[in-house]
Amino acid sequence: MSKVICPKCDHAIDFDAKGYKMGQALVFECEHCRKSFTIRIGENEDDIQTEDFGHVVVIENTFCYKQVIPLCEGDNMLGRYNKGTVISHPIETSDPSMDRRHCIINVKKDYSGSLTYTIRDNQSVTGTFVMNRILGNRERLRIEDGAIITLGATTLILHTPEGEE
């Protein structure tokens, strides 16, 4: 069984994807809000080999539950999830002090092939804190495995592939 999320009301719809071919379009109608929408059957994410660029763990608090957000190479925009806001790595939280586009973590390989992580604030209202130090305007800070990042009232911990070995 597979799940599809309604783009209007975020209601989960279960369906059996085994009888369909790759690239085939399917039309669904949400029984909750009656929205009709189309999806295309694509490659299974489990079959795609991706390189591990690390992840951030969102610590559970009053506003949100624990979440693990995988990072990708390049800029990773982090912020509060809000329907209609385009963001690469949304955090599902009700924290009003976190901006929808709060900060950016950049992941890139250096000349030796090892990964470097840089964080910068995205002109957020409350600021971005790394190890209890607020980032200045346009400041970029290199961070490493175990770095504690605070966005509003929400705390994140960076985990790199090298740190997990």
Foldseek 3Di string as FASTA:
>chain_A
DDWDADLPPRDIDDDDPPVDDAQDKDWDADPVPRDIDIDGHHDDPVPDDDDFFFWKWKPDDPWAHIDTWGDDAAKAFEWDDDRPDDGRTHDDTPQPQTHRRFKIWHWDADPVRDIWIKIDTPPGPVAKDWPNHGADVVDIDIDDFQIWIDGRNIIMGIHGPVNVD
